[in-house]
């Protein structure tokens, strides 16, 4: 597989979003242990997962044992991983010939 510019851009964006999502899961887990701390909403966590951060959220779920009892995270995040992969592939196909 040739590593052209479009492939590197897509992988870089994907990596950045997933690292951000992973660390936001960590921050929310830390805030969950503090009394009265302002938490990150579940909607924001799902938004991050939808915006190419699904692997980071999923890794954070199990690395930090956070949101693993919520059925909609256990089912929804793997579905978003599939959606992210499909959308990433479509973007790769669209950008592959232009960059």
N, C-alpha and C. Protein backbone atom coordinates (compact mmCIF):
# COMPACT_ATOMS: atom_id res chain seq x y z
N UNK A 1 0.85 -1.18 0.00
CA UNK A 1 0.00 0.00 0.00
C UNK A 1 0.89 1.24 0.00
N UNK A 2 0.63 2.11 -0.90
CA UNK A 2 1.39 3.35 -0.99
C UNK A 2 0.85 4.35 0.03
N UNK A 3 1.76 4.97 0.74
CA UNK A 3 1.38 5.97 1.74
C UNK A 3 1.44 7.35 1.09
N UNK A 4 0.37 7.71 0.37
CA UNK A 4 0.34 9.03 -0.24
C UNK A 4 -0.17 10.06 0.77
N UNK A 5 -0.21 11.29 0.35
CA UNK A 5 -0.57 12.38 1.24
C UNK A 5 -1.98 12.23 1.81
N UNK A 6 -2.93 11.81 0.99
CA UNK A 6 -4.31 11.68 1.48
C UNK A 6 -4.41 10.61 2.56
N UNK A 7 -3.67 9.53 2.40
CA UNK A 7 -3.69 8.47 3.41
C UNK A 7 -3.12 8.99 4.73
N UNK A 8 -2.03 9.72 4.66
CA UNK A 8 -1.41 10.26 5.87
C UNK A 8 -2.31 11.29 6.56
N UNK A 9 -2.99 12.11 5.78
CA UNK A 9 -3.91 13.10 6.36
C UNK A 9 -5.06 12.41 7.08
N UNK A 10 -5.65 11.43 6.42
CA UNK A 10 -6.78 10.71 7.03
C UNK A 10 -6.34 10.00 8.30
N UNK A 11 -5.21 9.33 8.26
CA UNK A 11 -4.71 8.63 9.45
C UNK A 11 -4.34 9.60 10.57
N UNK A 12 -3.79 10.75 10.22
CA UNK A 12 -3.44 11.76 11.22
C UNK A 12 -4.67 12.31 11.92
N UNK A 13 -5.70 12.63 11.16
CA UNK A 13 -6.95 13.14 11.73
C UNK A 13 -7.59 12.07 12.61
N UNK A 14 -7.61 10.85 12.11
CA UNK A 14 -8.18 9.72 12.86
C UNK A 14 -7.43 9.52 14.18
N UNK A 15 -6.12 9.55 14.15
CA UNK A 15 -5.32 9.37 15.36
C UNK A 15 -5.56 10.52 16.34
N UNK A 16 -5.59 11.75 15.85
CA UNK A 16 -5.79 12.92 16.72
C UNK A 16 -7.15 12.86 17.42
N UNK A 17 -8.21 12.55 16.68
CA UNK A 17 -9.54 12.48 17.28
C UNK A 17 -9.62 11.36 18.31
N UNK A 18 -9.00 10.23 18.03
CA UNK A 18 -9.06 9.11 18.96
C UNK A 18 -8.25 9.37 20.22
N UNK A 19 -7.11 10.01 20.10
CA UNK A 19 -6.34 10.38 21.30
C UNK A 19 -7.12 11.38 22.15
N UNK A 20 -7.73 12.36 21.50
CA UNK A 20 -8.54 13.34 22.21
C UNK A 20 -9.69 12.65 22.95
N UNK A 21 -10.39 11.76 22.27
CA UNK A 21 -11.52 11.05 22.88
C UNK A 21 -11.06 10.19 24.05
N UNK A 22 -9.92 9.52 23.90
CA UNK A 22 -9.37 8.68 24.97
C UNK A 22 -9.08 9.51 26.22
N UNK A 23 -8.43 10.66 26.04
CA UNK A 23 -8.09 11.49 27.19
C UNK A 23 -9.32 12.17 27.79
N UNK A 24 -10.33 12.44 26.99
CA UNK A 24 -11.57 13.01 27.54
C UNK A 24 -12.29 11.96 28.38
N UNK A 25 -12.22 10.70 27.98
CA UNK A 25 -12.78 9.63 28.82
C UNK A 25 -12.05 9.58 30.17
N UNK A 26 -10.73 9.75 30.14
CA UNK A 26 -9.95 9.76 31.38
C UNK A 26 -10.36 10.94 32.27
N UNK A 27 -10.50 12.11 31.66
CA UNK A 27 -10.90 13.29 32.43
C UNK A 27 -12.27 13.08 33.06
N UNK A 28 -13.20 12.51 32.31
CA UNK A 28 -14.54 12.29 32.85
C UNK A 28 -14.51 11.25 33.97
N UNK A 29 -13.68 10.24 33.84
CA UNK A 29 -13.55 9.24 34.91
C UNK A 29 -13.00 9.88 36.18
N UNK A 30 -12.02 10.74 36.03
CA UNK A 30 -11.46 11.44 37.20
C UNK A 30 -12.51 12.34 37.84
N UNK A 31 -13.27 13.06 37.00
CA UNK A 31 -14.32 13.94 37.53
C UNK A 31 -15.44 13.16 38.18
N UNK A 32 -15.67 11.92 37.72
CA UNK A 32 -16.73 11.09 38.30
C UNK A 32 -16.42 10.74 39.75
N UNK A 33 -15.15 10.67 40.09
CA UNK A 33 -14.75 10.33 41.45
C UNK A 33 -14.81 11.53 42.38
N UNK A 34 -14.90 12.72 41.84
CA UNK A 34 -14.92 13.94 42.65
C UNK A 34 -16.36 14.36 42.92
N UNK A 35 -16.63 14.74 44.14
CA UNK A 35 -17.97 15.19 44.50
C UNK A 35 -18.23 16.57 43.93
N UNK A 36 -19.32 16.73 43.23
CA UNK A 36 -19.73 18.03 42.73
C UNK A 36 -18.98 18.53 41.51
N UNK A 37 -18.12 17.73 40.95
CA UNK A 37 -17.37 18.16 39.77
C UNK A 37 -18.28 18.19 38.55
N UNK A 38 -18.04 19.14 37.68
CA UNK A 38 -18.82 19.23 36.45
C UNK A 38 -18.32 18.18 35.47
N UNK A 39 -19.22 17.28 35.08
CA UNK A 39 -18.87 16.14 34.24
C UNK A 39 -19.03 16.47 32.76
N UNK A 40 -18.43 15.64 31.94
CA UNK A 40 -18.60 15.72 30.49
C UNK A 40 -19.85 14.93 30.15
N UNK A 41 -20.74 15.53 29.39
CA UNK A 41 -22.02 14.88 29.12
C UNK A 41 -21.85 13.64 28.24
N UNK A 42 -22.78 12.72 28.40
CA UNK A 42 -22.77 11.51 27.58
C UNK A 42 -22.99 11.87 26.11
N UNK A 43 -23.75 12.92 25.87
CA UNK A 43 -23.95 13.39 24.51
C UNK A 43 -22.65 13.83 23.86
N UNK A 44 -21.81 14.51 24.64
CA UNK A 44 -20.51 14.94 24.12
C UNK A 44 -19.62 13.74 23.85
N UNK A 45 -19.66 12.74 24.71
CA UNK A 45 -18.87 11.53 24.49
C UNK A 45 -19.32 10.81 23.21
N UNK A 46 -20.63 10.75 22.98
CA UNK A 46 -21.13 10.15 21.74
C UNK A 46 -20.78 11.00 20.53
N UNK A 47 -20.80 12.32 20.69
CA UNK A 47 -20.40 13.19 19.59
C UNK A 47 -18.95 12.93 19.21
N UNK A 48 -18.07 12.83 20.20
CA UNK A 48 -16.66 12.54 19.93
C UNK A 48 -16.51 11.19 19.22
N UNK A 49 -17.30 10.22 19.65
CA UNK A 49 -17.24 8.90 19.01
C UNK A 49 -17.73 8.98 17.56
N UNK A 50 -18.74 9.77 17.32
CA UNK A 50 -19.27 9.92 15.97
C UNK A 50 -18.29 10.66 15.07
N UNK A 51 -17.56 11.62 15.64
CA UNK A 51 -16.60 12.43 14.88
C UNK A 51 -15.23 11.76 14.86
N UNK A 52 -15.19 10.51 14.46
CA UNK A 52 -13.96 9.73 14.28
C UNK A 52 -13.22 9.41 15.57
N UNK A 53 -13.86 9.50 16.71
CA UNK A 53 -13.19 9.18 17.96
C UNK A 53 -13.69 7.91 18.63
N UNK A 54 -14.36 7.06 17.87
CA UNK A 54 -15.00 5.88 18.46
C UNK A 54 -14.00 4.91 19.07
N UNK A 55 -12.87 4.69 18.44
CA UNK A 55 -11.87 3.78 19.00
C UNK A 55 -11.30 4.34 20.30
N UNK A 56 -11.11 5.64 20.37
CA UNK A 56 -10.61 6.26 21.59
C UNK A 56 -11.60 6.15 22.74
N UNK A 57 -12.87 6.37 22.44
CA UNK A 57 -13.90 6.23 23.47
C UNK A 57 -13.98 4.77 23.92
N UNK A 58 -13.95 3.86 22.97
CA UNK A 58 -14.04 2.43 23.30
C UNK A 58 -12.84 1.98 24.13
N UNK A 59 -11.66 2.40 23.74
CA UNK A 59 -10.46 2.06 24.52
C UNK A 59 -10.53 2.67 25.91
N UNK A 60 -11.02 3.90 26.01
CA UNK A 60 -11.16 4.56 27.30
C UNK A 60 -12.19 3.88 28.19
N UNK A 61 -13.24 3.35 27.57
CA UNK A 61 -14.26 2.65 28.34
C UNK A 61 -13.63 1.49 29.12
N UNK A 62 -12.79 0.74 28.47
CA UNK A 62 -12.25 -0.46 29.10
C UNK A 62 -10.95 -0.20 29.84
N UNK A 63 -10.17 0.77 29.41
CA UNK A 63 -8.93 1.10 30.12
C UNK A 63 -9.24 1.71 31.48
N UNK A 64 -10.30 2.52 31.55
CA UNK A 64 -10.64 3.22 32.79
C UNK A 64 -11.89 2.67 33.46
N UNK A 65 -12.48 1.60 32.91
CA UNK A 65 -13.72 1.01 33.43
C UNK A 65 -14.78 2.09 33.60
N UNK A 66 -14.99 2.83 32.52
CA UNK A 66 -15.89 3.98 32.55
C UNK A 66 -16.98 3.80 31.51
N UNK A 67 -18.22 3.90 31.93
CA UNK A 67 -19.41 3.77 31.09
C UNK A 67 -19.62 2.35 30.56
N UNK A 68 -18.98 1.37 31.19
CA UNK A 68 -19.12 -0.01 30.71
C UNK A 68 -20.42 -0.67 31.18
N UNK A 69 -21.13 -0.04 32.09
CA UNK A 69 -22.41 -0.57 32.54
C UNK A 69 -23.60 0.05 31.80
N UNK A 70 -23.31 1.01 30.97
CA UNK A 70 -24.38 1.67 30.19
C UNK A 70 -24.55 0.91 28.89
N UNK A 71 -25.73 0.29 28.69
CA UNK A 71 -25.94 -0.55 27.52
C UNK A 71 -25.78 0.23 26.23
N UNK A 72 -26.17 1.49 26.24
CA UNK A 72 -26.09 2.27 25.00
C UNK A 72 -24.65 2.61 24.63
N UNK A 73 -23.72 2.59 25.58
CA UNK A 73 -22.30 2.72 25.25
C UNK A 73 -21.75 1.38 24.76
N UNK A 74 -22.11 0.31 25.45
CA UNK A 74 -21.59 -1.02 25.10
C UNK A 74 -22.03 -1.43 23.70
N UNK A 75 -23.23 -1.05 23.30
CA UNK A 75 -23.73 -1.39 21.96
C UNK A 75 -23.43 -0.28 20.96
N UNK A 76 -23.62 0.96 21.36
CA UNK A 76 -23.52 2.08 20.43
C UNK A 76 -22.11 2.39 19.96
N UNK A 77 -21.12 2.30 20.83
CA UNK A 77 -19.76 2.65 20.45
C UNK A 77 -19.20 1.67 19.41
N UNK A 78 -19.37 0.35 19.56
CA UNK A 78 -18.91 -0.54 18.48
C UNK A 78 -19.61 -0.27 17.13
N UNK A 79 -20.89 0.10 17.18
CA UNK A 79 -21.57 0.46 15.94
C UNK A 79 -20.96 1.72 15.32
N UNK A 80 -20.55 2.66 16.17
CA UNK A 80 -19.91 3.86 15.68
C UNK A 80 -18.50 3.58 15.15
N UNK A 81 -17.84 2.55 15.66
CA UNK A 81 -16.55 2.14 15.10
C UNK A 81 -16.75 1.71 13.65
N UNK A 82 -17.78 0.94 13.40
CA UNK A 82 -18.09 0.50 12.03
C UNK A 82 -18.42 1.71 11.15
N UNK A 83 -19.21 2.63 11.68
CA UNK A 83 -19.57 3.84 10.93
C UNK A 83 -18.33 4.66 10.63
N UNK A 84 -17.44 4.83 11.61
CA UNK A 84 -16.20 5.59 11.40
C UNK A 84 -15.34 4.95 10.33
N UNK A 85 -15.22 3.63 10.36
CA UNK A 85 -14.40 2.92 9.37
C UNK A 85 -14.99 3.09 7.96
N UNK A 86 -16.30 2.96 7.85
CA UNK A 86 -16.94 3.11 6.55
C UNK A 86 -16.80 4.53 6.02
N UNK A 87 -17.03 5.51 6.86
CA UNK A 87 -16.91 6.90 6.43
C UNK A 87 -15.47 7.25 6.10
N UNK A 88 -14.52 6.74 6.88
CA UNK A 88 -13.11 6.96 6.58
C UNK A 88 -12.72 6.39 5.24
N UNK A 89 -13.25 5.22 4.93
CA UNK A 89 -12.96 4.60 3.64
C UNK A 89 -13.55 5.43 2.49
N UNK A 90 -14.76 5.92 2.66
CA UNK A 90 -15.39 6.76 1.63
C UNK A 90 -14.58 8.05 1.43
N UNK A 91 -14.14 8.65 2.50
CA UNK A 91 -13.32 9.87 2.39
C UNK A 91 -12.01 9.54 1.70
N UNK A 92 -11.41 8.42 2.03
CA UNK A 92 -10.18 7.99 1.37
C UNK A 92 -10.39 7.84 -0.14
N UNK A 93 -11.50 7.22 -0.52
CA UNK A 93 -11.79 7.04 -1.94
C UNK A 93 -12.02 8.38 -2.65
N UNK A 94 -12.68 9.29 -1.97
CA UNK A 94 -12.97 10.59 -2.56
C UNK A 94 -11.72 11.45 -2.67
N UNK A 95 -10.86 11.42 -1.66
CA UNK A 95 -9.66 12.25 -1.65
C UNK A 95 -8.48 11.58 -2.35
N UNK A 96 -8.53 10.27 -2.46
CA UNK A 96 -7.39 9.53 -3.00
C UNK A 96 -6.93 9.98 -4.37
N UNK A 97 -7.85 10.36 -5.22
CA UNK A 97 -7.46 10.76 -6.56
C UNK A 97 -7.20 12.26 -6.67
N UNK A 98 -7.53 13.01 -5.64
CA UNK A 98 -7.40 14.48 -5.73
C UNK A 98 -6.15 15.02 -5.08
N UNK A 99 -5.57 14.28 -4.14
CA UNK A 99 -4.40 14.80 -3.44
C UNK A 99 -3.17 14.05 -3.92
